[in-house]
């Protein structure tokens, strides 16, 4: 009886391996960076704009600089550091075209360094790009930005930056 149970366990393990989803290639490539377009939303008598710099992934976290500008309320402007947690599993899901919800933080520069929670819904259009819904609280108001994102290779970005520096 003990041998039959061991044999069944081995068969089940082999069955699960044979029917597992194929691994996603480049899902956590260290050469891919995340680029997010600038996005804005209307406010009463104004407009808020969120600009996020190039985000690089290290240990499951995409991080980089951000700027938040509020026109005409310039005293509400801020900049700082954004960190979005993207596990290998989440990255593989949206590489397969699945909508994924992830979280992160935005920490303002300067004294006080206010930290706010950031909720992000990723809706891919293909393996390299898609749309984001970025939500966070600014005071008593929920801010919602819907920028486009895309992945790029680090070498591509360096080449584009050097080309932009060349002046005729």
N, C-alpha and C. Protein backbone atom coordinates (compact mmCIF):
# COMPACT_ATOMS: atom_id res chain seq x y z
N UNK A 1 0.82 -1.20 0.00
CA UNK A 1 0.00 0.00 0.00
C UNK A 1 0.87 1.26 0.00
N UNK A 2 1.96 1.23 0.79
CA UNK A 2 2.85 2.37 0.87
C UNK A 2 3.48 2.66 -0.48
N UNK A 3 3.83 1.63 -1.25
CA UNK A 3 4.44 1.80 -2.56
C UNK A 3 3.43 2.41 -3.54
N UNK A 4 2.19 2.03 -3.44
CA UNK A 4 1.15 2.57 -4.33
C UNK A 4 0.97 4.06 -4.07
N UNK A 5 0.95 4.46 -2.80
CA UNK A 5 0.80 5.88 -2.46
C UNK A 5 1.98 6.70 -2.97
N UNK A 6 3.19 6.16 -2.84
CA UNK A 6 4.37 6.86 -3.35
C UNK A 6 4.29 6.98 -4.87
N UNK A 7 3.89 5.91 -5.55
CA UNK A 7 3.75 5.93 -6.99
C UNK A 7 2.71 6.96 -7.43
N UNK A 8 1.57 7.01 -6.74
CA UNK A 8 0.53 7.99 -7.06
C UNK A 8 1.03 9.42 -6.85
N UNK A 9 1.78 9.65 -5.79
CA UNK A 9 2.32 10.99 -5.52
C UNK A 9 3.27 11.41 -6.63
N UNK A 10 4.11 10.49 -7.11
CA UNK A 10 5.03 10.81 -8.20
C UNK A 10 4.27 11.09 -9.50
N UNK A 11 3.23 10.35 -9.77
CA UNK A 11 2.43 10.56 -10.98
C UNK A 11 1.75 11.93 -10.93
N UNK A 12 1.17 12.27 -9.79
CA UNK A 12 0.51 13.58 -9.64
C UNK A 12 1.51 14.71 -9.80
N UNK A 13 2.69 14.58 -9.22
CA UNK A 13 3.73 15.61 -9.35
C UNK A 13 4.13 15.77 -10.81
N UNK A 14 4.31 14.67 -11.51
CA UNK A 14 4.65 14.73 -12.93
C UNK A 14 3.53 15.33 -13.77
N UNK A 15 2.28 15.02 -13.43
CA UNK A 15 1.11 15.57 -14.13
C UNK A 15 1.07 17.09 -13.97
N UNK A 16 1.29 17.58 -12.75
CA UNK A 16 1.28 19.03 -12.51
C UNK A 16 2.39 19.74 -13.27
N UNK A 17 3.59 19.16 -13.31
CA UNK A 17 4.69 19.77 -14.04
C UNK A 17 4.41 19.80 -15.54
N UNK A 18 3.81 18.75 -16.06
CA UNK A 18 3.53 18.66 -17.49
C UNK A 18 2.45 19.65 -17.93
N UNK A 19 1.54 20.01 -17.02
CA UNK A 19 0.43 20.90 -17.38
C UNK A 19 0.58 22.31 -16.81
N UNK A 20 1.73 22.62 -16.28
CA UNK A 20 1.97 23.98 -15.75
C UNK A 20 2.11 24.95 -16.90
N UNK A 21 1.81 26.21 -16.64
CA UNK A 21 1.95 27.25 -17.67
C UNK A 21 3.42 27.40 -18.03
N UNK A 22 3.70 27.65 -19.31
CA UNK A 22 5.09 27.82 -19.72
C UNK A 22 5.66 29.09 -19.09
N UNK A 23 6.94 29.08 -18.78
CA UNK A 23 7.52 30.27 -18.17
C UNK A 23 7.50 31.46 -19.13
N UNK A 24 7.33 32.64 -18.59
CA UNK A 24 7.32 33.84 -19.40
C UNK A 24 8.76 34.33 -19.52
N UNK A 25 9.19 34.57 -20.75
CA UNK A 25 10.55 35.05 -20.95
C UNK A 25 10.58 36.55 -20.81
N UNK A 26 11.69 37.06 -20.33
CA UNK A 26 11.90 38.49 -20.14
C UNK A 26 10.95 39.13 -19.14
N UNK A 27 10.22 38.35 -18.34
CA UNK A 27 9.25 38.95 -17.44
C UNK A 27 9.92 39.79 -16.37
N UNK A 28 11.11 39.43 -15.95
CA UNK A 28 11.79 40.20 -14.92
C UNK A 28 13.19 40.60 -15.39
N UNK A 29 13.31 40.88 -16.67
CA UNK A 29 14.60 41.23 -17.23
C UNK A 29 15.15 42.48 -16.56
N UNK A 30 16.41 42.42 -16.20
CA UNK A 30 17.03 43.58 -15.56
C UNK A 30 17.37 44.64 -16.59
N UNK A 31 17.27 44.33 -17.87
CA UNK A 31 17.56 45.31 -18.91
C UNK A 31 16.34 46.11 -19.33
N UNK A 32 15.17 45.80 -18.77
CA UNK A 32 13.95 46.53 -19.14
C UNK A 32 13.62 47.57 -18.08
N UNK A 33 13.31 48.76 -18.56
CA UNK A 33 12.89 49.84 -17.67
C UNK A 33 11.44 50.18 -17.99
N UNK A 34 10.78 50.82 -17.06
CA UNK A 34 9.38 51.19 -17.22
C UNK A 34 9.31 52.70 -17.46
N UNK A 35 8.67 53.07 -18.55
CA UNK A 35 8.50 54.48 -18.88
C UNK A 35 7.00 54.79 -18.87
N UNK A 36 6.63 55.85 -18.14
CA UNK A 36 5.22 56.22 -17.97
C UNK A 36 5.03 57.63 -18.50
N UNK A 37 4.05 57.79 -19.39
CA UNK A 37 3.76 59.11 -19.94
C UNK A 37 3.21 60.03 -18.86
N UNK A 38 3.42 61.31 -19.05
CA UNK A 38 2.85 62.32 -18.17
C UNK A 38 1.33 62.26 -18.30
N UNK A 39 0.62 62.57 -17.21
CA UNK A 39 -0.83 62.50 -17.21
C UNK A 39 -1.39 63.63 -16.35
N UNK A 40 -2.58 64.10 -16.68
CA UNK A 40 -3.18 65.17 -15.88
C UNK A 40 -4.65 64.87 -15.62
N UNK A 41 -5.19 65.59 -14.64
CA UNK A 41 -6.61 65.47 -14.31
C UNK A 41 -7.13 66.86 -13.94
N UNK A 42 -8.40 67.11 -14.22
CA UNK A 42 -8.96 68.43 -13.90
C UNK A 42 -9.23 68.58 -12.41
N UNK A 43 -9.09 69.81 -11.93
CA UNK A 43 -9.43 70.18 -10.56
C UNK A 43 -10.39 71.37 -10.65
N UNK A 44 -11.02 71.70 -9.54
CA UNK A 44 -11.83 72.90 -9.51
C UNK A 44 -10.90 74.08 -9.75
N UNK A 45 -11.14 74.81 -10.81
CA UNK A 45 -10.35 75.99 -11.17
C UNK A 45 -8.87 75.66 -11.41
N UNK A 46 -8.56 74.48 -11.90
CA UNK A 46 -7.16 74.18 -12.15
C UNK A 46 -6.95 72.81 -12.76
N UNK A 47 -5.71 72.36 -12.69
CA UNK A 47 -5.32 71.07 -13.27
C UNK A 47 -4.13 70.53 -12.50
N UNK A 48 -4.12 69.21 -12.28
CA UNK A 48 -3.00 68.53 -11.63
C UNK A 48 -2.32 67.65 -12.68
N UNK A 49 -0.98 67.68 -12.69
CA UNK A 49 -0.21 66.89 -13.64
C UNK A 49 0.78 66.02 -12.88
N UNK A 50 0.82 64.73 -13.24
CA UNK A 50 1.75 63.79 -12.64
C UNK A 50 2.76 63.36 -13.71
N UNK A 51 4.03 63.58 -13.41
CA UNK A 51 5.10 63.17 -14.31
C UNK A 51 6.01 62.22 -13.54
N UNK A 52 6.18 61.03 -14.09
CA UNK A 52 7.00 60.01 -13.43
C UNK A 52 8.21 59.75 -14.32
N UNK A 53 9.39 59.80 -13.71
CA UNK A 53 10.62 59.54 -14.45
C UNK A 53 10.74 58.06 -14.80
N UNK A 54 11.84 57.70 -15.40
CA UNK A 54 12.11 56.31 -15.76
C UNK A 54 12.18 55.48 -14.49
N UNK A 55 11.45 54.38 -14.46
CA UNK A 55 11.44 53.48 -13.30
C UNK A 55 12.26 52.24 -13.62
N UNK A 56 13.15 51.91 -12.72
CA UNK A 56 14.02 50.75 -12.90
C UNK A 56 13.67 49.72 -11.83
N UNK A 57 13.68 48.44 -12.20
CA UNK A 57 13.29 47.37 -11.28
C UNK A 57 14.50 46.79 -10.57
N UNK A 58 14.41 46.78 -9.23
CA UNK A 58 15.43 46.15 -8.39
C UNK A 58 14.70 45.42 -7.27
N UNK A 59 15.00 44.14 -7.11
CA UNK A 59 14.39 43.32 -6.05
C UNK A 59 12.87 43.43 -6.02
N UNK A 60 12.24 43.39 -7.19
CA UNK A 60 10.78 43.38 -7.27
C UNK A 60 10.12 44.73 -7.08
N UNK A 61 10.89 45.82 -7.14
CA UNK A 61 10.33 47.16 -6.95
C UNK A 61 10.81 48.06 -8.10
N UNK A 62 9.83 48.65 -8.81
CA UNK A 62 10.15 49.67 -9.80
C UNK A 62 10.20 51.00 -9.07
N UNK A 63 11.30 51.74 -9.21
CA UNK A 63 11.42 53.01 -8.48
C UNK A 63 12.08 54.07 -9.34
N UNK A 64 11.75 55.33 -9.00
CA UNK A 64 12.30 56.47 -9.69
C UNK A 64 11.65 57.75 -9.19
N UNK A 65 12.02 58.86 -9.79
CA UNK A 65 11.52 60.17 -9.38
C UNK A 65 10.12 60.45 -9.93
N UNK A 66 9.40 61.35 -9.25
CA UNK A 66 8.12 61.83 -9.75
C UNK A 66 7.99 63.31 -9.45
N UNK A 67 7.13 63.98 -10.22
CA UNK A 67 6.76 65.38 -9.99
C UNK A 67 5.24 65.48 -10.05
N UNK A 68 4.70 66.24 -9.13
CA UNK A 68 3.27 66.47 -9.06
C UNK A 68 3.07 67.98 -9.07
N UNK A 69 2.46 68.50 -10.14
CA UNK A 69 2.27 69.94 -10.26
C UNK A 69 0.78 70.26 -10.27
N UNK A 70 0.42 71.31 -9.54
CA UNK A 70 -0.97 71.73 -9.46
C UNK A 70 -1.05 73.18 -9.93
N UNK A 71 -1.76 73.39 -11.03
CA UNK A 71 -1.91 74.74 -11.57
C UNK A 71 -3.30 75.25 -11.27
N UNK A 72 -3.48 76.40 -10.76
CA UNK A 72 -2.53 77.46 -10.43
C UNK A 72 -2.04 77.42 -8.98
N UNK A 73 -2.31 76.35 -8.26
CA UNK A 73 -1.97 76.25 -6.84
C UNK A 73 -0.55 75.73 -6.66
N UNK A 74 0.45 76.53 -7.03
CA UNK A 74 1.84 76.08 -7.06
C UNK A 74 2.35 75.66 -5.68
N UNK A 75 1.72 76.12 -4.60
CA UNK A 75 2.16 75.70 -3.26
C UNK A 75 1.86 74.22 -2.99
N UNK A 76 1.01 73.63 -3.80
CA UNK A 76 0.69 72.21 -3.66
C UNK A 76 1.63 71.32 -4.48
N UNK A 77 2.50 71.93 -5.28
CA UNK A 77 3.45 71.15 -6.08
C UNK A 77 4.36 70.33 -5.17
N UNK A 78 4.79 69.18 -5.67
CA UNK A 78 5.75 68.37 -4.92
C UNK A 78 6.55 67.51 -5.88
N UNK A 79 7.66 67.02 -5.38
CA UNK A 79 8.42 66.01 -6.12
C UNK A 79 9.00 65.05 -5.09
N UNK A 80 9.41 63.91 -5.58
CA UNK A 80 9.93 62.92 -4.65
C UNK A 80 10.29 61.62 -5.35
N UNK A 81 10.17 60.55 -4.59
CA UNK A 81 10.60 59.22 -5.01
C UNK A 81 9.40 58.29 -4.99
N UNK A 82 9.18 57.57 -6.09
CA UNK A 82 8.08 56.61 -6.17
C UNK A 82 8.64 55.20 -6.22
N UNK A 83 8.03 54.30 -5.48
CA UNK A 83 8.42 52.89 -5.48
C UNK A 83 7.16 52.04 -5.62
N UNK A 84 7.09 51.24 -6.68
CA UNK A 84 5.92 50.40 -6.94
C UNK A 84 6.36 48.94 -6.88
N UNK A 85 5.73 48.19 -6.00
CA UNK A 85 6.07 46.78 -5.79
C UNK A 85 5.43 45.95 -6.91
N UNK A 86 6.28 45.26 -7.68
CA UNK A 86 5.81 44.41 -8.77
C UNK A 86 6.51 43.06 -8.62
N UNK A 87 5.83 42.12 -8.02
CA UNK A 87 6.41 40.79 -7.83
C UNK A 87 6.60 40.10 -9.17
N UNK A 88 7.42 39.07 -9.19
CA UNK A 88 7.61 38.29 -10.42
C UNK A 88 6.28 37.73 -10.91
N UNK A 89 5.42 37.32 -9.96
CA UNK A 89 4.11 36.76 -10.32
C UNK A 89 3.24 37.82 -10.98
N UNK A 90 3.21 39.04 -10.42
CA UNK A 90 2.41 40.12 -11.00
C UNK A 90 2.93 40.49 -12.38
N UNK A 91 4.25 40.56 -12.52
CA UNK A 91 4.86 40.89 -13.80
C UNK A 91 4.51 39.84 -14.84
N UNK A 92 4.56 38.59 -14.46
CA UNK A 92 4.20 37.50 -15.38
C UNK A 92 2.73 37.59 -15.78
N UNK A 93 1.86 37.95 -14.84
CA UNK A 93 0.42 38.08 -15.13
C UNK A 93 0.17 39.15 -16.17
N UNK A 94 0.72 40.36 -15.98
CA UNK A 94 0.41 41.36 -16.99
C UNK A 94 1.20 41.16 -18.27
N UNK A 95 2.29 40.39 -18.25
CA UNK A 95 2.94 39.99 -19.50
C UNK A 95 2.06 39.02 -20.29
N UNK A 96 1.16 38.33 -19.59
CA UNK A 96 0.20 37.43 -20.25
C UNK A 96 -1.07 38.17 -20.66
N UNK A 97 -1.13 39.48 -20.40
CA UNK A 97 -2.30 40.26 -20.81
C UNK A 97 -3.36 40.39 -19.74
N UNK A 98 -3.08 39.97 -18.52
CA UNK A 98 -4.06 40.04 -17.43
C UNK A 98 -4.00 41.40 -16.74
N UNK A 99 -5.15 41.90 -16.30
CA UNK A 99 -5.21 43.13 -15.51
C UNK A 99 -4.72 42.80 -14.10
N UNK A 100 -3.81 43.63 -13.58
CA UNK A 100 -3.20 43.37 -12.28
C UNK A 100 -3.28 44.64 -11.43
N UNK A 101 -3.56 44.47 -10.13
CA UNK A 101 -3.53 45.58 -9.19
C UNK A 101 -2.29 45.45 -8.33
N UNK A 102 -1.52 46.54 -8.25
CA UNK A 102 -0.30 46.56 -7.46
C UNK A 102 -0.30 47.81 -6.59
N UNK A 103 0.59 47.84 -5.62
CA UNK A 103 0.66 48.99 -4.71
C UNK A 103 2.08 49.53 -4.65
N UNK A 104 2.18 50.73 -4.12
CA UNK A 104 3.48 51.33 -3.94
C UNK A 104 3.39 52.51 -3.00
N UNK A 105 4.46 53.30 -2.98
CA UNK A 105 4.49 54.50 -2.15
C UNK A 105 5.12 55.64 -2.95
N UNK A 106 4.72 56.84 -2.58
CA UNK A 106 5.34 58.05 -3.10
C UNK A 106 5.81 58.83 -1.88
N UNK A 107 7.10 59.15 -1.83
CA UNK A 107 7.69 59.86 -0.70
C UNK A 107 8.18 61.22 -1.18
N UNK A 108 7.67 62.28 -0.57
CA UNK A 108 8.06 63.63 -0.99
C UNK A 108 9.47 63.95 -0.53
N UNK A 109 10.15 64.77 -1.30
CA UNK A 109 11.48 65.26 -0.93
C UNK A 109 11.36 66.34 0.13
N UNK A 110 12.45 66.61 0.82
CA UNK A 110 12.50 67.71 1.77
C UNK A 110 12.14 67.30 3.17
N UNK A 111 12.02 68.31 4.02
CA UNK A 111 11.68 68.06 5.43
C UNK A 111 10.32 67.41 5.52
N UNK A 112 10.18 66.52 6.43
CA UNK A 112 8.89 65.85 6.62
C UNK A 112 8.75 64.59 5.79
N UNK A 113 9.23 64.61 4.56
CA UNK A 113 9.17 63.43 3.69
C UNK A 113 7.88 62.66 3.79
N UNK A 114 6.75 63.30 3.46
CA UNK A 114 5.45 62.66 3.56
C UNK A 114 5.39 61.43 2.66
N UNK A 115 4.89 60.33 3.22
CA UNK A 115 4.75 59.08 2.47
C UNK A 115 3.27 58.82 2.24
N UNK A 116 2.91 58.58 0.99
CA UNK A 116 1.51 58.25 0.69
C UNK A 116 1.45 56.94 -0.08
N UNK A 117 0.39 56.22 0.15
CA UNK A 117 0.15 54.95 -0.54
C UNK A 117 -0.32 55.25 -1.96
N UNK A 118 0.15 54.44 -2.90
CA UNK A 118 -0.22 54.57 -4.31
C UNK A 118 -0.79 53.23 -4.75
N UNK A 119 -2.00 53.25 -5.32
CA UNK A 119 -2.63 52.05 -5.88
C UNK A 119 -2.58 52.15 -7.40
N UNK A 120 -2.16 51.08 -8.04
CA UNK A 120 -2.00 51.08 -9.49
C UNK A 120 -2.71 49.86 -10.07
N UNK A 121 -3.53 50.11 -11.11
CA UNK A 121 -4.15 49.03 -11.87
C UNK A 121 -3.48 49.03 -13.24
N UNK A 122 -2.90 47.90 -13.61
CA UNK A 122 -2.19 47.75 -14.88
C UNK A 122 -3.09 47.02 -15.86
N UNK A 123 -3.36 47.66 -17.01
CA UNK A 123 -4.15 47.04 -18.06
C UNK A 123 -3.28 46.97 -19.32
N UNK A 124 -2.66 45.82 -19.57
CA UNK A 124 -1.76 45.72 -20.72
C UNK A 124 -2.51 45.67 -22.05
N UNK A 125 -1.90 46.25 -23.09
CA UNK A 125 -2.42 46.09 -24.44
C UNK A 125 -1.58 45.06 -25.19
N UNK A 126 -0.32 44.93 -24.80
CA UNK A 126 0.57 43.88 -25.30
C UNK A 126 1.68 43.70 -24.27
N UNK A 127 2.68 42.88 -24.58
CA UNK A 127 3.72 42.57 -23.60
C UNK A 127 4.60 43.78 -23.26
N UNK A 128 4.60 44.81 -24.13
CA UNK A 128 5.48 45.95 -23.91
C UNK A 128 4.78 47.25 -23.51
N UNK A 129 3.45 47.30 -23.53
CA UNK A 129 2.79 48.55 -23.22
C UNK A 129 1.36 48.33 -22.75
N UNK A 130 0.77 49.41 -22.26
CA UNK A 130 -0.60 49.35 -21.78
C UNK A 130 -0.99 50.64 -21.09
N UNK A 131 -2.02 50.57 -20.25
CA UNK A 131 -2.55 51.74 -19.57
C UNK A 131 -2.53 51.50 -18.07
N UNK A 132 -2.30 52.56 -17.32
CA UNK A 132 -2.30 52.49 -15.86
C UNK A 132 -3.43 53.34 -15.30
N UNK A 133 -3.90 52.98 -14.14
CA UNK A 133 -4.76 53.84 -13.32
C UNK A 133 -4.01 54.00 -12.01
N UNK A 134 -3.55 55.21 -11.77
CA UNK A 134 -2.76 55.50 -10.56
C UNK A 134 -3.64 56.33 -9.63
N UNK A 135 -3.88 55.80 -8.42
CA UNK A 135 -4.71 56.48 -7.43
C UNK A 135 -3.92 56.73 -6.16
N UNK A 136 -4.10 57.93 -5.60
CA UNK A 136 -3.53 58.25 -4.30
C UNK A 136 -4.31 59.41 -3.71
N UNK A 137 -4.16 59.61 -2.42
CA UNK A 137 -4.83 60.70 -1.73
C UNK A 137 -3.88 61.90 -1.63
N UNK A 138 -4.40 63.08 -1.94
CA UNK A 138 -3.68 64.34 -1.75
C UNK A 138 -4.58 65.18 -0.84
N UNK A 139 -4.23 65.22 0.41
CA UNK A 139 -5.12 65.87 1.38
C UNK A 139 -6.39 65.03 1.53
N UNK A 140 -7.54 65.65 1.32
CA UNK A 140 -8.82 64.94 1.40
C UNK A 140 -9.33 64.48 0.05
N UNK A 141 -8.57 64.71 -0.99
CA UNK A 141 -9.03 64.42 -2.35
C UNK A 141 -8.31 63.22 -2.95
N UNK A 142 -9.10 62.34 -3.57
CA UNK A 142 -8.49 61.22 -4.29
C UNK A 142 -8.07 61.70 -5.67
N UNK A 143 -6.82 61.42 -6.00
CA UNK A 143 -6.28 61.79 -7.31
C UNK A 143 -6.27 60.53 -8.18
N UNK A 144 -6.68 60.68 -9.43
CA UNK A 144 -6.71 59.57 -10.38
C UNK A 144 -6.06 60.01 -11.68
N UNK A 145 -4.98 59.33 -12.05
CA UNK A 145 -4.29 59.60 -13.30
C UNK A 145 -4.31 58.32 -14.12
N UNK A 146 -4.43 58.47 -15.45
CA UNK A 146 -4.52 57.32 -16.34
C UNK A 146 -3.50 57.43 -17.48
N UNK A 147 -2.23 57.30 -17.16
CA UNK A 147 -1.20 57.40 -18.20
C UNK A 147 -1.00 56.09 -18.97
N UNK A 148 -0.31 56.21 -20.07
CA UNK A 148 0.13 55.07 -20.87
C UNK A 148 1.53 54.69 -20.38
N UNK A 149 1.84 53.39 -20.39
CA UNK A 149 3.19 52.95 -20.02
C UNK A 149 3.76 52.10 -21.14
N UNK A 150 5.07 51.99 -21.15
CA UNK A 150 5.72 51.02 -22.03
C UNK A 150 7.08 50.66 -21.44
N UNK A 151 7.52 49.48 -21.80
CA UNK A 151 8.83 49.00 -21.39
C UNK A 151 9.83 49.30 -22.50
N UNK A 152 11.05 49.53 -22.11
CA UNK A 152 12.13 49.75 -23.08
C UNK A 152 13.39 49.10 -22.54
N UNK A 153 14.29 48.78 -23.42
CA UNK A 153 15.58 48.25 -23.01
C UNK A 153 16.45 49.42 -22.55
N UNK A 154 17.29 49.19 -21.56
CA UNK A 154 18.16 50.26 -21.06
C UNK A 154 19.02 50.85 -22.17
N UNK A 155 19.56 50.02 -23.03
CA UNK A 155 20.43 50.50 -24.11
C UNK A 155 19.67 51.42 -25.05
N UNK A 156 18.39 51.13 -25.34
CA UNK A 156 17.57 51.96 -26.21
C UNK A 156 17.40 53.35 -25.62
N UNK A 157 17.16 53.43 -24.33
CA UNK A 157 16.96 54.71 -23.67
C UNK A 157 18.23 55.56 -23.71
N UNK A 158 19.37 54.94 -23.48
CA UNK A 158 20.63 55.67 -23.52
C UNK A 158 20.87 56.22 -24.92
N UNK A 159 20.60 55.41 -25.94
CA UNK A 159 20.77 55.83 -27.33
C UNK A 159 19.86 57.01 -27.66
N UNK A 160 18.59 56.93 -27.24
CA UNK A 160 17.64 58.02 -27.49
C UNK A 160 18.06 59.30 -26.77
N UNK A 161 18.54 59.18 -25.55
CA UNK A 161 18.97 60.35 -24.78
C UNK A 161 20.16 61.01 -25.45
N UNK A 162 21.12 60.23 -25.94
CA UNK A 162 22.28 60.80 -26.62
C UNK A 162 21.87 61.47 -27.93
N UNK A 163 20.92 60.87 -28.64
CA UNK A 163 20.44 61.46 -29.90
C UNK A 163 19.75 62.79 -29.64
N UNK A 164 19.05 62.91 -28.53
CA UNK A 164 18.35 64.14 -28.20
C UNK A 164 19.33 65.26 -27.84
N UNK A 165 20.52 64.90 -27.34
CA UNK A 165 21.53 65.89 -26.97
C UNK A 165 22.20 66.51 -28.20
N UNK A 166 22.19 65.81 -29.32
CA UNK A 166 22.85 66.29 -30.52
C UNK A 166 22.01 67.41 -31.12
N UNK A 167 22.66 68.56 -31.32
CA UNK A 167 21.97 69.71 -31.88
C UNK A 167 22.54 70.01 -33.25
N UNK A 168 21.68 70.38 -34.23
CA UNK A 168 22.18 70.66 -35.58
C UNK A 168 23.02 71.93 -35.62
